[in-house]
Amino acid sequence: MRISFMLAAAIAAIFAGHAEAHARLLHASPKVGATVTWSPTELRLWFSETIQPSLSRITLVSGDGRPVRTGRLALDPKDKRVVVLPLLSALATGTYRVSWETTSEDTHNTDGDFVFKVGP
């Protein structure tokens, strides 16, 4: 009986910890705060949990606040924690802000933003 109780308590603790988790941004490409010398063709964001792309949004705006045209947000087929946002045109030299609002598989929402620069 005592072993059953301890096993049930351990399982409850594992699931309680998982239920409190939120998808955190681990890293991105281009890197957060980086200056790149080339125009990326896509944005990649690595999260700590699987993201639901249909309930998530990533936007890219130029330094003067103009939205950058992007393709459809998708998951990397090899890693469901990585979201990919194709860029439909080359980026000019300047600063860009990436903003995201994501919903993870456990339905928790997170958001944030970062900048990177395209420069010579």
Protein backbone atom coordinates (compact mmCIF):
# COMPACT_ATOMS: atom_id res chain seq x y z
CA MET A 1 0.00 0.00 0.00
CA ARG A 2 2.79 2.39 0.92
CA ILE A 3 4.59 1.77 -2.38
CA SER A 4 1.36 2.44 -4.34
CA PHE A 5 0.90 5.75 -2.54
CA MET A 6 4.51 6.79 -3.22
CA LEU A 7 4.20 5.83 -6.88
CA ALA A 8 0.93 7.79 -7.23
CA ALA A 9 2.51 10.84 -5.55
CA ALA A 10 5.54 10.68 -7.87
CA ILE A 11 3.34 10.48 -10.98
CA ALA A 12 1.20 13.39 -9.77
CA ALA A 13 4.33 15.49 -9.18
CA ILE A 14 5.62 14.76 -12.68
CA PHE A 15 2.36 15.75 -14.35
CA ALA A 16 1.85 18.80 -12.14
CA GLY A 17 5.28 20.10 -13.16
CA HIS A 18 4.52 19.48 -16.82
CA ALA A 19 1.18 21.27 -16.60
CA GLU A 20 2.89 24.42 -15.38
CA ALA A 21 5.37 24.50 -18.27
CA HIS A 22 5.32 27.23 -20.91
CA ALA A 23 7.10 27.29 -24.24
CA ARG A 24 10.20 29.46 -23.84
CA LEU A 25 12.24 30.76 -26.73
CA LEU A 26 15.59 28.94 -26.59
CA HIS A 27 17.27 30.55 -29.59
CA ALA A 28 16.59 31.85 -33.06
CA SER A 29 18.09 32.22 -36.50
CA PRO A 30 19.09 34.95 -37.11
CA LYS A 31 20.33 35.04 -33.53
CA VAL A 32 18.76 37.37 -31.02
CA GLY A 33 20.58 40.73 -31.19
CA ALA A 34 22.88 39.60 -34.00
CA THR A 35 24.04 41.55 -37.03
CA VAL A 36 24.05 39.40 -40.16
CA THR A 37 25.75 40.35 -43.42
CA TRP A 38 23.19 38.57 -45.58
CA SER A 39 19.43 38.68 -45.94
CA PRO A 40 17.90 35.57 -44.36
CA THR A 41 15.35 33.63 -46.40
CA GLU A 42 13.50 32.48 -43.28
CA LEU A 43 13.22 32.93 -39.54
CA ARG A 44 13.63 29.90 -37.29
CA LEU A 45 12.65 29.98 -33.63
CA TRP A 46 13.47 27.11 -31.28
CA PHE A 47 11.10 26.70 -28.32
CA SER A 48 11.26 24.50 -25.24
CA GLU A 49 7.98 22.79 -26.19
CA THR A 50 6.01 21.83 -29.28
CA ILE A 51 4.12 24.79 -30.72
CA GLN A 52 0.66 24.77 -32.34
CA PRO A 53 1.24 26.82 -35.52
CA SER A 54 -2.48 27.37 -36.16
CA LEU A 55 -2.75 29.14 -32.77
CA SER A 56 0.56 30.98 -33.01
CA ARG A 57 1.82 34.08 -34.79
CA ILE A 58 5.20 35.51 -35.68
CA THR A 59 5.56 38.95 -37.23
CA LEU A 60 8.57 40.79 -38.61
CA VAL A 61 8.72 44.57 -38.89
CA SER A 62 11.45 46.89 -40.13
CA GLY A 63 13.07 49.55 -37.99
CA ASP A 64 10.55 52.11 -39.19
CA GLY A 65 7.63 49.86 -38.21
CA ARG A 66 6.69 48.56 -41.64
CA PRO A 67 5.56 44.92 -41.74
CA VAL A 68 7.70 42.55 -43.76
CA ARG A 69 5.85 40.12 -46.04
CA THR A 70 6.19 36.56 -44.86
CA GLY A 71 4.93 33.14 -45.83
CA ARG A 72 2.93 30.73 -43.70
CA LEU A 73 4.22 29.73 -40.29
CA ALA A 74 5.06 26.02 -40.11
CA LEU A 75 6.76 23.51 -37.85
CA ASP A 76 10.08 21.98 -38.84
CA PRO A 77 9.16 18.40 -39.84
CA LYS A 78 12.23 17.09 -37.99
CA ASP A 79 11.60 18.96 -34.72
CA LYS A 80 8.10 20.07 -33.68
CA ARG A 81 9.60 22.60 -31.26
CA VAL A 82 11.05 24.64 -34.14
CA VAL A 83 8.85 27.07 -36.06
CA VAL A 84 9.83 28.32 -39.50
CA LEU A 85 8.61 31.54 -41.08
CA PRO A 86 9.62 32.04 -44.74
CA LEU A 87 10.51 35.58 -45.84
CA LEU A 88 9.02 36.46 -49.22
CA SER A 89 11.58 39.10 -50.18
CA ALA A 90 15.14 40.11 -49.37
CA LEU A 91 15.65 42.34 -46.35
CA ALA A 92 17.34 45.70 -46.81
CA THR A 93 20.09 46.89 -44.49
CA GLY A 94 18.58 47.89 -41.16
CA THR A 95 17.12 46.74 -37.86
CA TYR A 96 14.23 44.28 -37.69
CA ARG A 97 11.96 43.27 -34.81
CA VAL A 98 10.60 39.74 -34.52
CA SER A 99 7.50 39.41 -32.32
CA TRP A 100 5.83 36.13 -31.43
CA GLU A 101 2.73 34.89 -29.72
CA THR A 102 2.74 31.12 -29.37
CA THR A 103 0.46 28.46 -28.00
CA SER A 104 2.14 25.25 -26.97
CA GLU A 105 0.60 21.78 -27.15
CA ASP A 106 -0.54 22.11 -23.54
CA THR A 107 -2.43 25.31 -24.58
CA HIS A 108 -0.25 27.73 -22.62
CA ASN A 109 0.47 31.04 -24.35
CA THR A 110 3.76 32.92 -24.38
CA ASP A 111 4.94 35.98 -26.23
CA GLY A 112 8.02 38.05 -26.70
CA ASP A 113 10.20 39.82 -29.19
CA PHE A 114 13.78 40.45 -30.20
CA VAL A 115 15.73 42.42 -32.76
CA PHE A 116 18.44 41.60 -35.26
CA LYS A 117 20.21 43.70 -37.86
CA VAL A 118 21.06 43.22 -41.51
CA GLY A 119 24.21 45.14 -42.21
CA PRO A 120 27.30 45.31 -44.33
